[in-house]
Amino acid sequence: STNYADSVRGRFTISRDNDKNTVYLQMNS
């Protein structure tokens, strides 16, 4: 489940790999 600040919604995407214990933030535009 994800939650975003209004200022980044639609441009940023958060994801995680639980096996690698890693979280990512893809930032576009």
mmCIF file of all heavy atoms, coordinates in Angstrom:
data_MODEL
# 
_entry.id   MODEL 
# 
loop_
_atom_site.group_PDB 
_atom_site.id 
_atom_site.type_symbol 
_atom_site.label_atom_id 
_atom_site.label_alt_id 
_atom_site.label_comp_id 
_atom_site.label_asym_id 
_atom_site.label_entity_id 
_atom_site.label_seq_id 
_atom_site.pdbx_PDB_ins_code 
_atom_site.Cartn_x 
_atom_site.Cartn_y 
_atom_site.Cartn_z 
_atom_site.occupancy 
_atom_site.B_iso_or_equiv 
_atom_site.pdbx_formal_charge 
_atom_site.auth_seq_id 
_atom_site.auth_comp_id 
_atom_site.auth_asym_id 
_atom_site.auth_atom_id 
_atom_site.pdbx_PDB_model_num 
ATOM 1   N N   . SER A 1 1  ? 0.840  -1.195  0.000   1.00 0.00 ? 1  SER A N   1 
ATOM 2   C CA  . SER A 1 1  ? 0.000  0.000   0.000   1.00 0.00 ? 1  SER A CA  1 
ATOM 3   C C   . SER A 1 1  ? 0.877  1.247   0.000   1.00 0.00 ? 1  SER A C   1 
ATOM 4   O O   . SER A 1 1  ? 1.848  1.319   0.759   1.00 0.00 ? 1  SER A O   1 
ATOM 5   C CB  . SER A 1 1  ? -0.912 0.008   1.226   1.00 0.00 ? 1  SER A CB  1 
ATOM 6   O OG  . SER A 1 1  ? -1.811 -1.075  1.188   1.00 0.00 ? 1  SER A OG  1 
ATOM 7   N N   . THR A 1 2  ? 0.520  2.197   -0.844  1.00 0.00 ? 2  THR A N   1 
ATOM 8   C CA  . THR A 1 2  ? 1.352  3.392   -1.015  1.00 0.00 ? 2  THR A CA  1 
ATOM 9   C C   . THR A 1 2  ? 0.601  4.661   -0.643  1.00 0.00 ? 2  THR A C   1 
ATOM 10  O O   . THR A 1 2  ? -0.636 4.706   -0.654  1.00 0.00 ? 2  THR A O   1 
ATOM 11  C CB  . THR A 1 2  ? 1.838  3.511   -2.464  1.00 0.00 ? 2  THR A CB  1 
ATOM 12  O OG1 . THR A 1 2  ? 0.706  3.565   -3.343  1.00 0.00 ? 2  THR A OG1 1 
ATOM 13  C CG2 . THR A 1 2  ? 2.716  2.335   -2.848  1.00 0.00 ? 2  THR A CG2 1 
ATOM 14  N N   . ASN A 1 3  ? 1.391  5.675   -0.332  1.00 0.00 ? 3  ASN A N   1 
ATOM 15  C CA  . ASN A 1 3  ? 0.856  6.998   -0.021  1.00 0.00 ? 3  ASN A CA  1 
ATOM 16  C C   . ASN A 1 3  ? 1.834  8.018   -0.574  1.00 0.00 ? 3  ASN A C   1 
ATOM 17  O O   . ASN A 1 3  ? 3.051  7.844   -0.453  1.00 0.00 ? 3  ASN A O   1 
ATOM 18  C CB  . ASN A 1 3  ? 0.720  7.161   1.496   1.00 0.00 ? 3  ASN A CB  1 
ATOM 19  C CG  . ASN A 1 3  ? 0.165  8.522   1.877   1.00 0.00 ? 3  ASN A CG  1 
ATOM 20  O OD1 . ASN A 1 3  ? -0.827 8.955   1.323   1.00 0.00 ? 3  ASN A OD1 1 
ATOM 21  N ND2 . ASN A 1 3  ? 0.824  9.190   2.811   1.00 0.00 ? 3  ASN A ND2 1 
ATOM 22  N N   . TYR A 1 4  ? 1.303  9.087   -1.184  1.00 0.00 ? 4  TYR A N   1 
ATOM 23  C CA  . TYR A 1 4  ? 2.155  10.098  -1.803  1.00 0.00 ? 4  TYR A CA  1 
ATOM 24  C C   . TYR A 1 4  ? 1.766  11.494  -1.347  1.00 0.00 ? 4  TYR A C   1 
ATOM 25  O O   . TYR A 1 4  ? 0.583  11.784  -1.108  1.00 0.00 ? 4  TYR A O   1 
ATOM 26  C CB  . TYR A 1 4  ? 2.028  10.052  -3.332  1.00 0.00 ? 4  TYR A CB  1 
ATOM 27  C CG  . TYR A 1 4  ? 2.560  8.801   -3.968  1.00 0.00 ? 4  TYR A CG  1 
ATOM 28  C CD1 . TYR A 1 4  ? 1.719  7.718   -4.229  1.00 0.00 ? 4  TYR A CD1 1 
ATOM 29  C CD2 . TYR A 1 4  ? 3.901  8.696   -4.342  1.00 0.00 ? 4  TYR A CD2 1 
ATOM 30  C CE1 . TYR A 1 4  ? 2.203  6.562   -4.821  1.00 0.00 ? 4  TYR A CE1 1 
ATOM 31  C CE2 . TYR A 1 4  ? 4.388  7.549   -4.938  1.00 0.00 ? 4  TYR A CE2 1 
ATOM 32  C CZ  . TYR A 1 4  ? 3.533  6.488   -5.170  1.00 0.00 ? 4  TYR A CZ  1 
ATOM 33  O OH  . TYR A 1 4  ? 4.011  5.346   -5.776  1.00 0.00 ? 4  TYR A OH  1 
ATOM 34  N N   . ALA A 1 5  ? 2.757  12.367  -1.302  1.00 0.00 ? 5  ALA A N   1 
ATOM 35  C CA  . ALA A 1 5  ? 2.477  13.784  -1.129  1.00 0.00 ? 5  ALA A CA  1 
ATOM 36  C C   . ALA A 1 5  ? 1.811  14.293  -2.401  1.00 0.00 ? 5  ALA A C   1 
ATOM 37  O O   . ALA A 1 5  ? 2.113  13.827  -3.510  1.00 0.00 ? 5  ALA A O   1 
ATOM 38  C CB  . ALA A 1 5  ? 3.768  14.546  -0.866  1.00 0.00 ? 5  ALA A CB  1 
ATOM 39  N N   . ASP A 1 6  ? 0.914  15.253  -2.248  1.00 0.00 ? 6  ASP A N   1 
ATOM 40  C CA  . ASP A 1 6  ? 0.216  15.802  -3.412  1.00 0.00 ? 6  ASP A CA  1 
ATOM 41  C C   . ASP A 1 6  ? 1.192  16.369  -4.441  1.00 0.00 ? 6  ASP A C   1 
ATOM 42  O O   . ASP A 1 6  ? 0.955  16.274  -5.641  1.00 0.00 ? 6  ASP A O   1 
ATOM 43  C CB  . ASP A 1 6  ? -0.753 16.899  -2.972  1.00 0.00 ? 6  ASP A CB  1 
ATOM 44  C CG  . ASP A 1 6  ? -1.955 16.356  -2.232  1.00 0.00 ? 6  ASP A CG  1 
ATOM 45  O OD1 . ASP A 1 6  ? -2.229 15.143  -2.320  1.00 0.00 ? 6  ASP A OD1 1 
ATOM 46  O OD2 . ASP A 1 6  ? -2.622 17.146  -1.546  1.00 0.00 ? 6  ASP A OD2 1 
ATOM 47  N N   . SER A 1 7  ? 2.297  16.911  -3.961  1.00 0.00 ? 7  SER A N   1 
ATOM 48  C CA  . SER A 1 7  ? 3.249  17.577  -4.853  1.00 0.00 ? 7  SER A CA  1 
ATOM 49  C C   . SER A 1 7  ? 3.986  16.609  -5.778  1.00 0.00 ? 7  SER A C   1 
ATOM 50  O O   . SER A 1 7  ? 4.561  17.048  -6.775  1.00 0.00 ? 7  SER A O   1 
ATOM 51  C CB  . SER A 1 7  ? 4.265  18.367  -4.023  1.00 0.00 ? 7  SER A CB  1 
ATOM 52  O OG  . SER A 1 7  ? 4.963  17.510  -3.141  1.00 0.00 ? 7  SER A OG  1 
ATOM 53  N N   . VAL A 1 8  ? 3.981  15.322  -5.451  1.00 0.00 ? 8  VAL A N   1 
ATOM 54  C CA  . VAL A 1 8  ? 4.715  14.358  -6.277  1.00 0.00 ? 8  VAL A CA  1 
ATOM 55  C C   . VAL A 1 8  ? 3.818  13.302  -6.915  1.00 0.00 ? 8  VAL A C   1 
ATOM 56  O O   . VAL A 1 8  ? 4.279  12.530  -7.760  1.00 0.00 ? 8  VAL A O   1 
ATOM 57  C CB  . VAL A 1 8  ? 5.830  13.658  -5.467  1.00 0.00 ? 8  VAL A CB  1 
ATOM 58  C CG1 . VAL A 1 8  ? 6.727  14.680  -4.781  1.00 0.00 ? 8  VAL A CG1 1 
ATOM 59  C CG2 . VAL A 1 8  ? 5.262  12.681  -4.447  1.00 0.00 ? 8  VAL A CG2 1 
ATOM 60  N N   . ARG A 1 9  ? 2.567  13.272  -6.498  1.00 0.00 ? 9  ARG A N   1 
ATOM 61  C CA  . ARG A 1 9  ? 1.664  12.233  -7.027  1.00 0.00 ? 9  ARG A CA  1 
ATOM 62  C C   . ARG A 1 9  ? 1.563  12.343  -8.533  1.00 0.00 ? 9  ARG A C   1 
ATOM 63  O O   . ARG A 1 9  ? 1.373  13.420  -9.084  1.00 0.00 ? 9  ARG A O   1 
ATOM 64  C CB  . ARG A 1 9  ? 0.289  12.336  -6.375  1.00 0.00 ? 9  ARG A CB  1 
ATOM 65  C CG  . ARG A 1 9  ? -0.640 11.181  -6.733  1.00 0.00 ? 9  ARG A CG  1 
ATOM 66  C CD  . ARG A 1 9  ? -1.938 11.259  -5.955  1.00 0.00 ? 9  ARG A CD  1 
ATOM 67  N NE  . ARG A 1 9  ? -1.745 10.999  -4.534  1.00 0.00 ? 9  ARG A NE  1 
ATOM 68  C CZ  . ARG A 1 9  ? -1.909 11.908  -3.581  1.00 0.00 ? 9  ARG A CZ  1 
ATOM 69  N NH1 . ARG A 1 9  ? -2.267 13.143  -3.907  1.00 0.00 ? 9  ARG A NH1 1 
ATOM 70  N NH2 . ARG A 1 9  ? -1.721 11.598  -2.321  1.00 0.00 ? 9  ARG A NH2 1 
ATOM 71  N N   . GLY A 1 10 ? 1.708  11.213  -9.210  1.00 0.00 ? 10 GLY A N   1 
ATOM 72  C CA  . GLY A 1 10 ? 1.666  11.191  -10.669 1.00 0.00 ? 10 GLY A CA  1 
ATOM 73  C C   . GLY A 1 10 ? 3.032  11.339  -11.321 1.00 0.00 ? 10 GLY A C   1 
ATOM 74  O O   . GLY A 1 10 ? 3.186  11.049  -12.516 1.00 0.00 ? 10 GLY A O   1 
ATOM 75  N N   . ARG A 1 11 ? 4.024  11.797  -10.563 1.00 0.00 ? 11 ARG A N   1 
ATOM 76  C CA  . ARG A 1 11 ? 5.383  11.943  -11.097 1.00 0.00 ? 11 ARG A CA  1 
ATOM 77  C C   . ARG A 1 11 ? 6.352  10.959  -10.453 1.00 0.00 ? 11 ARG A C   1 
ATOM 78  O O   . ARG A 1 11 ? 7.276  10.486  -11.105 1.00 0.00 ? 11 ARG A O   1 
ATOM 79  C CB  . ARG A 1 11 ? 5.894  13.363  -10.856 1.00 0.00 ? 11 ARG A CB  1 
ATOM 80  C CG  . ARG A 1 11 ? 5.064  14.455  -11.514 1.00 0.00 ? 11 ARG A CG  1 
ATOM 81  C CD  . ARG A 1 11 ? 5.740  15.818  -11.382 1.00 0.00 ? 11 ARG A CD  1 
ATOM 82  N NE  . ARG A 1 11 ? 5.872  16.247  -9.993  1.00 0.00 ? 11 ARG A NE  1 
ATOM 83  C CZ  . ARG A 1 11 ? 7.041  16.549  -9.416  1.00 0.00 ? 11 ARG A CZ  1 
ATOM 84  N NH1 . ARG A 1 11 ? 8.169  16.452  -10.100 1.00 0.00 ? 11 ARG A NH1 1 
ATOM 85  N NH2 . ARG A 1 11 ? 7.077  16.935  -8.149  1.00 0.00 ? 11 ARG A NH2 1 
ATOM 86  N N   . PHE A 1 12 ? 6.156  10.659  -9.183  1.00 0.00 ? 12 PHE A N   1 
ATOM 87  C CA  . PHE A 1 12 ? 7.046  9.759   -8.444  1.00 0.00 ? 12 PHE A CA  1 
ATOM 88  C C   . PHE A 1 12 ? 6.334  8.438   -8.189  1.00 0.00 ? 12 PHE A C   1 
ATOM 89  O O   . PHE A 1 12 ? 5.119  8.399   -7.997  1.00 0.00 ? 12 PHE A O   1 
ATOM 90  C CB  . PHE A 1 12 ? 7.442  10.355  -7.101  1.00 0.00 ? 12 PHE A CB  1 
ATOM 91  C CG  . PHE A 1 12 ? 8.323  11.573  -7.161  1.00 0.00 ? 12 PHE A CG  1 
ATOM 92  C CD1 . PHE A 1 12 ? 8.617  12.210  -8.361  1.00 0.00 ? 12 PHE A CD1 1 
ATOM 93  C CD2 . PHE A 1 12 ? 8.893  12.081  -6.005  1.00 0.00 ? 12 PHE A CD2 1 
ATOM 94  C CE1 . PHE A 1 12 ? 9.427  13.326  -8.412  1.00 0.00 ? 12 PHE A CE1 1 
ATOM 95  C CE2 . PHE A 1 12 ? 9.717  13.195  -6.034  1.00 0.00 ? 12 PHE A CE2 1 
ATOM 96  C CZ  . PHE A 1 12 ? 9.970  13.822  -7.237  1.00 0.00 ? 12 PHE A CZ  1 
ATOM 97  N N   . THR A 1 13 ? 7.117  7.366   -8.167  1.00 0.00 ? 13 THR A N   1 
ATOM 98  C CA  . THR A 1 13 ? 6.582  6.042   -7.846  1.00 0.00 ? 13 THR A CA  1 
ATOM 99  C C   . THR A 1 13 ? 7.480  5.356   -6.830  1.00 0.00 ? 13 THR A C   1 
ATOM 100 O O   . THR A 1 13 ? 8.684  5.230   -7.057  1.00 0.00 ? 13 THR A O   1 
ATOM 101 C CB  . THR A 1 13 ? 6.478  5.172   -9.100  1.00 0.00 ? 13 THR A CB  1 
ATOM 102 O OG1 . THR A 1 13 ? 5.656  5.814   -10.075 1.00 0.00 ? 13 THR A OG1 1 
ATOM 103 C CG2 . THR A 1 13 ? 5.866  3.812   -8.755  1.00 0.00 ? 13 THR A CG2 1 
ATOM 104 N N   . ILE A 1 14 ? 6.878  4.954   -5.721  1.00 0.00 ? 14 ILE A N   1 
ATOM 105 C CA  . ILE A 1 14 ? 7.632  4.220   -4.706  1.00 0.00 ? 14 ILE A CA  1 
ATOM 106 C C   . ILE A 1 14 ? 7.358  2.731   -4.864  1.00 0.00 ? 14 ILE A C   1 
ATOM 107 O O   . ILE A 1 14 ? 6.238  2.321   -5.202  1.00 0.00 ? 14 ILE A O   1 
ATOM 108 C CB  . ILE A 1 14 ? 7.249  4.696   -3.280  1.00 0.00 ? 14 ILE A CB  1 
ATOM 109 C CG1 . ILE A 1 14 ? 8.207  4.092   -2.240  1.00 0.00 ? 14 ILE A CG1 1 
ATOM 110 C CG2 . ILE A 1 14 ? 5.808  4.384   -2.949  1.00 0.00 ? 14 ILE A CG2 1 
ATOM 111 C CD1 . ILE A 1 14 ? 8.050  4.707   -0.843  1.00 0.00 ? 14 ILE A CD1 1 
ATOM 112 N N   . SER A 1 15 ? 8.388  1.937   -4.663  1.00 0.00 ? 15 SER A N   1 
ATOM 113 C CA  . SER A 1 15 ? 8.246  0.483   -4.727  1.00 0.00 ? 15 SER A CA  1 
ATOM 114 C C   . SER A 1 15 ? 9.233  -0.150  -3.759  1.00 0.00 ? 15 SER A C   1 
ATOM 115 O O   . SER A 1 15 ? 10.145 0.526   -3.266  1.00 0.00 ? 15 SER A O   1 
ATOM 116 C CB  . SER A 1 15 ? 8.498  -0.024  -6.152  1.00 0.00 ? 15 SER A CB  1 
ATOM 117 O OG  . SER A 1 15 ? 9.815  0.281   -6.574  1.00 0.00 ? 15 SER A OG  1 
ATOM 118 N N   . ARG A 1 16 ? 9.023  -1.418  -3.466  1.00 0.00 ? 16 ARG A N   1 
ATOM 119 C CA  . ARG A 1 16 ? 9.958  -2.100  -2.573  1.00 0.00 ? 16 ARG A CA  1 
ATOM 120 C C   . ARG A 1 16 ? 10.118 -3.545  -2.985  1.00 0.00 ? 16 ARG A C   1 
ATOM 121 O O   . ARG A 1 16 ? 9.198  -4.140  -3.551  1.00 0.00 ? 16 ARG A O   1 
ATOM 122 C CB  . ARG A 1 16 ? 9.527  -1.983  -1.108  1.00 0.00 ? 16 ARG A CB  1 
ATOM 123 C CG  . ARG A 1 16 ? 8.269  -2.708  -0.735  1.00 0.00 ? 16 ARG A CG  1 
ATOM 124 C CD  . ARG A 1 16 ? 7.816  -2.358  0.676   1.00 0.00 ? 16 ARG A CD  1 
ATOM 125 N NE  . ARG A 1 16 ? 8.640  -2.946  1.715   1.00 0.00 ? 16 ARG A NE  1 
ATOM 126 C CZ  . ARG A 1 16 ? 8.465  -2.720  3.013   1.00 0.00 ? 16 ARG A CZ  1 
ATOM 127 N NH1 . ARG A 1 16 ? 7.520  -1.884  3.426   1.00 0.00 ? 16 ARG A NH1 1 
ATOM 128 N NH2 . ARG A 1 16 ? 9.252  -3.297  3.909   1.00 0.00 ? 16 ARG A NH2 1 
ATOM 129 N N   . ASP A 1 17 ? 11.294 -4.051  -2.690  1.00 0.00 ? 17 ASP A N   1 
ATOM 130 C CA  . ASP A 1 17 ? 11.607 -5.465  -2.904  1.00 0.00 ? 17 ASP A CA  1 
ATOM 131 C C   . ASP A 1 17 ? 11.850 -6.053  -1.523  1.00 0.00 ? 17 ASP A C   1 
ATOM 132 O O   . ASP A 1 17 ? 12.915 -5.832  -0.929  1.00 0.00 ? 17 ASP A O   1 
ATOM 133 C CB  . ASP A 1 17 ? 12.834 -5.598  -3.800  1.00 0.00 ? 17 ASP A CB  1 
ATOM 134 C CG  . ASP A 1 17 ? 13.155 -7.037  -4.162  1.00 0.00 ? 17 ASP A CG  1 
ATOM 135 O OD1 . ASP A 1 17 ? 12.855 -7.943  -3.355  1.00 0.00 ? 17 ASP A OD1 1 
ATOM 136 O OD2 . ASP A 1 17 ? 13.729 -7.261  -5.236  1.00 0.00 ? 17 ASP A OD2 1 
ATOM 137 N N   . ASN A 1 18 ? 10.870 -6.766  -0.998  1.00 0.00 ? 18 ASN A N   1 
ATOM 138 C CA  . ASN A 1 18 ? 10.979 -7.284  0.364   1.00 0.00 ? 18 ASN A CA  1 
ATOM 139 C C   . ASN A 1 18 ? 12.099 -8.325  0.488   1.00 0.00 ? 18 ASN A C   1 
ATOM 140 O O   . ASN A 1 18 ? 12.727 -8.448  1.539   1.00 0.00 ? 18 ASN A O   1 
ATOM 141 C CB  . ASN A 1 18 ? 9.659  -7.888  0.805   1.00 0.00 ? 18 ASN A CB  1 
ATOM 142 C CG  . ASN A 1 18 ? 8.588  -6.818  1.005   1.00 0.00 ? 18 ASN A CG  1 
ATOM 143 O OD1 . ASN A 1 18 ? 8.896  -5.678  1.351   1.00 0.00 ? 18 ASN A OD1 1 
ATOM 144 N ND2 . ASN A 1 18 ? 7.344  -7.167  0.774   1.00 0.00 ? 18 ASN A ND2 1 
ATOM 145 N N   . ASP A 1 19 ? 12.356 -9.057  -0.578  1.00 0.00 ? 19 ASP A N   1 
ATOM 146 C CA  . ASP A 1 19 ? 13.437 -10.064 -0.536  1.00 0.00 ? 19 ASP A CA  1 
ATOM 147 C C   . ASP A 1 19 ? 14.797 -9.390  -0.374  1.00 0.00 ? 19 ASP A C   1 
ATOM 148 O O   . ASP A 1 19 ? 15.689 -9.929  0.281   1.00 0.00 ? 19 ASP A O   1 
ATOM 149 C CB  . ASP A 1 19 ? 13.416 -10.918 -1.794  1.00 0.00 ? 19 ASP A CB  1 
ATOM 150 C CG  . ASP A 1 19 ? 12.220 -11.843 -1.858  1.00 0.00 ? 19 ASP A CG  1 
ATOM 151 O OD1 . ASP A 1 19 ? 11.640 -12.130 -0.779  1.00 0.00 ? 19 ASP A OD1 1 
ATOM 152 O OD2 . ASP A 1 19 ? 11.843 -12.267 -2.957  1.00 0.00 ? 19 ASP A OD2 1 
ATOM 153 N N   . LYS A 1 20 ? 14.940 -8.214  -0.996  1.00 0.00 ? 20 LYS A N   1 
ATOM 154 C CA  . LYS A 1 20 ? 16.204 -7.482  -0.914  1.00 0.00 ? 20 LYS A CA  1 
ATOM 155 C C   . LYS A 1 20 ? 16.197 -6.450  0.208   1.00 0.00 ? 20 LYS A C   1 
ATOM 156 O O   . LYS A 1 20 ? 17.202 -5.785  0.440   1.00 0.00 ? 20 LYS A O   1 
ATOM 157 C CB  . LYS A 1 20 ? 16.501 -6.793  -2.243  1.00 0.00 ? 20 LYS A CB  1 
ATOM 158 C CG  . LYS A 1 20 ? 16.753 -7.749  -3.402  1.00 0.00 ? 20 LYS A CG  1 
ATOM 159 C CD  . LYS A 1 20 ? 17.082 -6.989  -4.679  1.00 0.00 ? 20 LYS A CD  1 
ATOM 160 C CE  . LYS A 1 20 ? 17.375 -7.939  -5.829  1.00 0.00 ? 20 LYS A CE  1 
ATOM 161 N NZ  . LYS A 1 20 ? 17.679 -7.206  -7.092  1.00 0.00 ? 20 LYS A NZ  1 
ATOM 162 N N   . ASN A 1 21 ? 15.047 -6.301  0.875   1.00 0.00 ? 21 ASN A N   1 
ATOM 163 C CA  . ASN A 1 21 ? 14.910 -5.305  1.939   1.00 0.00 ? 21 ASN A CA  1 
ATOM 164 C C   . ASN A 1 21 ? 15.304 -3.919  1.436   1.00 0.00 ? 21 ASN A C   1 
ATOM 165 O O   . ASN A 1 21 ? 16.051 -3.180  2.092   1.00 0.00 ? 21 ASN A O   1 
ATOM 166 C CB  . ASN A 1 21 ? 15.759 -5.692  3.162   1.00 0.00 ? 21 ASN A CB  1 
ATOM 167 C CG  . ASN A 1 21 ? 15.175 -5.173  4.461   1.00 0.00 ? 21 ASN A CG  1 
ATOM 168 O OD1 . ASN A 1 21 ? 14.049 -4.675  4.498   1.00 0.00 ? 21 ASN A OD1 1 
ATOM 169 N ND2 . ASN A 1 21 ? 15.957 -5.256  5.525   1.00 0.00 ? 21 ASN A ND2 1 
ATOM 170 N N   . THR A 1 22 ? 14.803 -3.583  0.267   1.00 0.00 ? 22 THR A N   1 
ATOM 171 C CA  . THR A 1 22 ? 15.171 -2.344  -0.420  1.00 0.00 ? 22 THR A CA  1 
ATOM 172 C C   . THR A 1 22 ? 13.916 -1.624  -0.892  1.00 0.00 ? 22 THR A C   1 
ATOM 173 O O   . THR A 1 22 ? 12.962 -2.262  -1.340  1.00 0.00 ? 22 THR A O   1 
ATOM 174 C CB  . THR A 1 22 ? 16.083 -2.655  -1.620  1.00 0.00 ? 22 THR A CB  1 
ATOM 175 O OG1 . THR A 1 22 ? 17.289 -3.269  -1.153  1.00 0.00 ? 22 THR A OG1 1 
ATOM 176 C CG2 . THR A 1 22 ? 16.453 -1.375  -2.364  1.00 0.00 ? 22 THR A CG2 1 
ATOM 177 N N   . VAL A 1 23 ? 13.939 -0.311  -0.767  1.00 0.00 ? 23 VAL A N   1 
ATOM 178 C CA  . VAL A 1 23 ? 12.853 0.522   -1.266  1.00 0.00 ? 23 VAL A CA  1 
ATOM 179 C C   . VAL A 1 23 ? 13.414 1.460   -2.327  1.00 0.00 ? 23 VAL A C   1 
ATOM 180 O O   . VAL A 1 23 ? 14.561 1.892   -2.242  1.00 0.00 ? 23 VAL A O   1 
ATOM 181 C CB  . VAL A 1 23 ? 12.177 1.301   -0.119  1.00 0.00 ? 23 VAL A CB  1 
ATOM 182 C CG1 . VAL A 1 23 ? 13.126 2.292   0.540   1.00 0.00 ? 23 VAL A CG1 1 
ATOM 183 C CG2 . VAL A 1 23 ? 10.925 2.010   -0.608  1.00 0.00 ? 23 VAL A CG2 1 
ATOM 184 N N   . TYR A 1 24 ? 12.598 1.756   -3.322  1.00 0.00 ? 24 TYR A N   1 
ATOM 185 C CA  . TYR A 1 24 ? 13.004 2.574   -4.451  1.00 0.00 ? 24 TYR A CA  1 
ATOM 186 C C   . TYR A 1 24 ? 12.071 3.774   -4.592  1.00 0.00 ? 24 TYR A C   1 
ATOM 187 O O   . TYR A 1 24 ? 10.918 3.733   -4.172  1.00 0.00 ? 24 TYR A O   1 
ATOM 188 C CB  . TYR A 1 24 ? 12.966 1.770   -5.752  1.00 0.00 ? 24 TYR A CB  1 
ATOM 189 C CG  . TYR A 1 24 ? 13.767 0.491   -5.702  1.00 0.00 ? 24 TYR A CG  1 
ATOM 190 C CD1 . TYR A 1 24 ? 13.147 -0.719  -5.391  1.00 0.00 ? 24 TYR A CD1 1 
ATOM 191 C CD2 . TYR A 1 24 ? 15.134 0.487   -5.951  1.00 0.00 ? 24 TYR A CD2 1 
ATOM 192 C CE1 . TYR A 1 24 ? 13.879 -1.909  -5.339  1.00 0.00 ? 24 TYR A CE1 1 
ATOM 193 C CE2 . TYR A 1 24 ? 15.867 -0.690  -5.898  1.00 0.00 ? 24 TYR A CE2 1 
ATOM 194 C CZ  . TYR A 1 24 ? 15.235 -1.880  -5.593  1.00 0.00 ? 24 TYR A CZ  1 
ATOM 195 O OH  . TYR A 1 24 ? 15.953 -3.037  -5.530  1.00 0.00 ? 24 TYR A OH  1 
ATOM 196 N N   . LEU A 1 25 ? 12.583 4.813   -5.224  1.00 0.00 ? 25 LEU A N   1 
ATOM 197 C CA  . LEU A 1 25 ? 11.765 5.963   -5.575  1.00 0.00 ? 25 LEU A CA  1 
ATOM 198 C C   . LEU A 1 25 ? 12.123 6.368   -6.997  1.00 0.00 ? 25 LEU A C   1 
ATOM 199 O O   . LEU A 1 25 ? 13.212 6.879   -7.236  1.00 0.00 ? 25 LEU A O   1 
ATOM 200 C CB  . LEU A 1 25 ? 11.975 7.133   -4.611  1.00 0.00 ? 25 LEU A CB  1 
ATOM 201 C CG  . LEU A 1 25 ? 11.055 8.319   -4.838  1.00 0.00 ? 25 LEU A CG  1 
ATOM 202 C CD1 . LEU A 1 25 ? 9.614  7.944   -4.457  1.00 0.00 ? 25 LEU A CD1 1 
ATOM 203 C CD2 . LEU A 1 25 ? 11.499 9.534   -4.029  1.00 0.00 ? 25 LEU A CD2 1 
ATOM 204 N N   . GLN A 1 26 ? 11.217 6.091   -7.918  1.00 0.00 ? 26 GLN A N   1 
ATOM 205 C CA  . GLN A 1 26 ? 11.391 6.522   -9.296  1.00 0.00 ? 26 GLN A CA  1 
ATOM 206 C C   . GLN A 1 26 ? 10.813 7.921   -9.423  1.00 0.00 ? 26 GLN A C   1 
ATOM 207 O O   . GLN A 1 26 ? 9.619  8.129   -9.148  1.00 0.00 ? 26 GLN A O   1 
ATOM 208 C CB  . GLN A 1 26 ? 10.680 5.567   -10.258 1.00 0.00 ? 26 GLN A CB  1 
ATOM 209 C CG  . GLN A 1 26 ? 10.765 5.978   -11.719 1.00 0.00 ? 26 GLN A CG  1 
ATOM 210 C CD  . GLN A 1 26 ? 12.176 5.926   -12.270 1.00 0.00 ? 26 GLN A CD  1 
ATOM 211 O OE1 . GLN A 1 26 ? 12.921 4.982   -12.005 1.00 0.00 ? 26 GLN A OE1 1 
ATOM 212 N NE2 . GLN A 1 26 ? 12.560 6.942   -13.030 1.00 0.00 ? 26 GLN A NE2 1 
ATOM 213 N N   . MET A 1 27 ? 11.651 8.866   -9.823  1.00 0.00 ? 27 MET A N   1 
ATOM 214 C CA  . MET A 1 27 ? 11.243 10.260  -9.904  1.00 0.00 ? 27 MET A CA  1 
ATOM 215 C C   . MET A 1 27 ? 11.311 10.703  -11.357 1.00 0.00 ? 27 MET A C   1 
ATOM 216 O O   . MET A 1 27 ? 12.396 10.715  -11.956 1.00 0.00 ? 27 MET A O   1 
ATOM 217 C CB  . MET A 1 27 ? 12.160 11.127  -9.035  1.00 0.00 ? 27 MET A CB  1 
ATOM 218 C CG  . MET A 1 27 ? 12.215 10.679  -7.587  1.00 0.00 ? 27 MET A CG  1 
ATOM 219 S SD  . MET A 1 27 ? 13.161 11.804  -6.535  1.00 0.00 ? 27 MET A SD  1 
ATOM 220 C CE  . MET A 1 27 ? 14.794 11.612  -7.238  1.00 0.00 ? 27 MET A CE  1 
ATOM 221 N N   . ASN A 1 28 ? 10.162 11.042  -11.911 1.00 0.00 ? 28 ASN A N   1 
ATOM 222 C CA  . ASN A 1 28 ? 10.066 11.510  -13.296 1.00 0.00 ? 28 ASN A CA  1 
ATOM 223 C C   . ASN A 1 28 ? 9.588  12.953  -13.329 1.00 0.00 ? 28 ASN A C   1 
ATOM 224 O O   . ASN A 1 28 ? 9.041  13.458  -12.350 1.00 0.00 ? 28 ASN A O   1 
ATOM 225 C CB  . ASN A 1 28 ? 9.106  10.621  -14.083 1.00 0.00 ? 28 ASN A CB  1 
ATOM 226 C CG  . ASN A 1 28 ? 9.558  9.179   -14.163 1.00 0.00 ? 28 ASN A CG  1 
ATOM 227 O OD1 . ASN A 1 28 ? 10.755 8.880   -14.182 1.00 0.00 ? 28 ASN A OD1 1 
ATOM 228 N ND2 . ASN A 1 28 ? 8.597  8.264   -14.221 1.00 0.00 ? 28 ASN A ND2 1 
ATOM 229 N N   . SER A 1 29 ? 9.762  13.587  -14.472 1.00 0.00 ? 29 SER A N   1 
ATOM 230 C CA  . SER A 1 29 ? 9.312  14.976  -14.651 1.00 0.00 ? 29 SER A CA  1 
ATOM 231 C C   . SER A 1 29 ? 9.770  15.855  -13.494 1.00 0.00 ? 29 SER A C   1 
ATOM 232 O O   . SER A 1 29 ? 8.984  16.615  -12.919 1.00 0.00 ? 29 SER A O   1 
ATOM 233 C CB  . SER A 1 29 ? 7.782  15.021  -14.777 1.00 0.00 ? 29 SER A CB  1 
ATOM 234 O OG  . SER A 1 29 ? 7.348  14.220  -15.850 1.00 0.00 ? 29 SER A OG  1 
# 
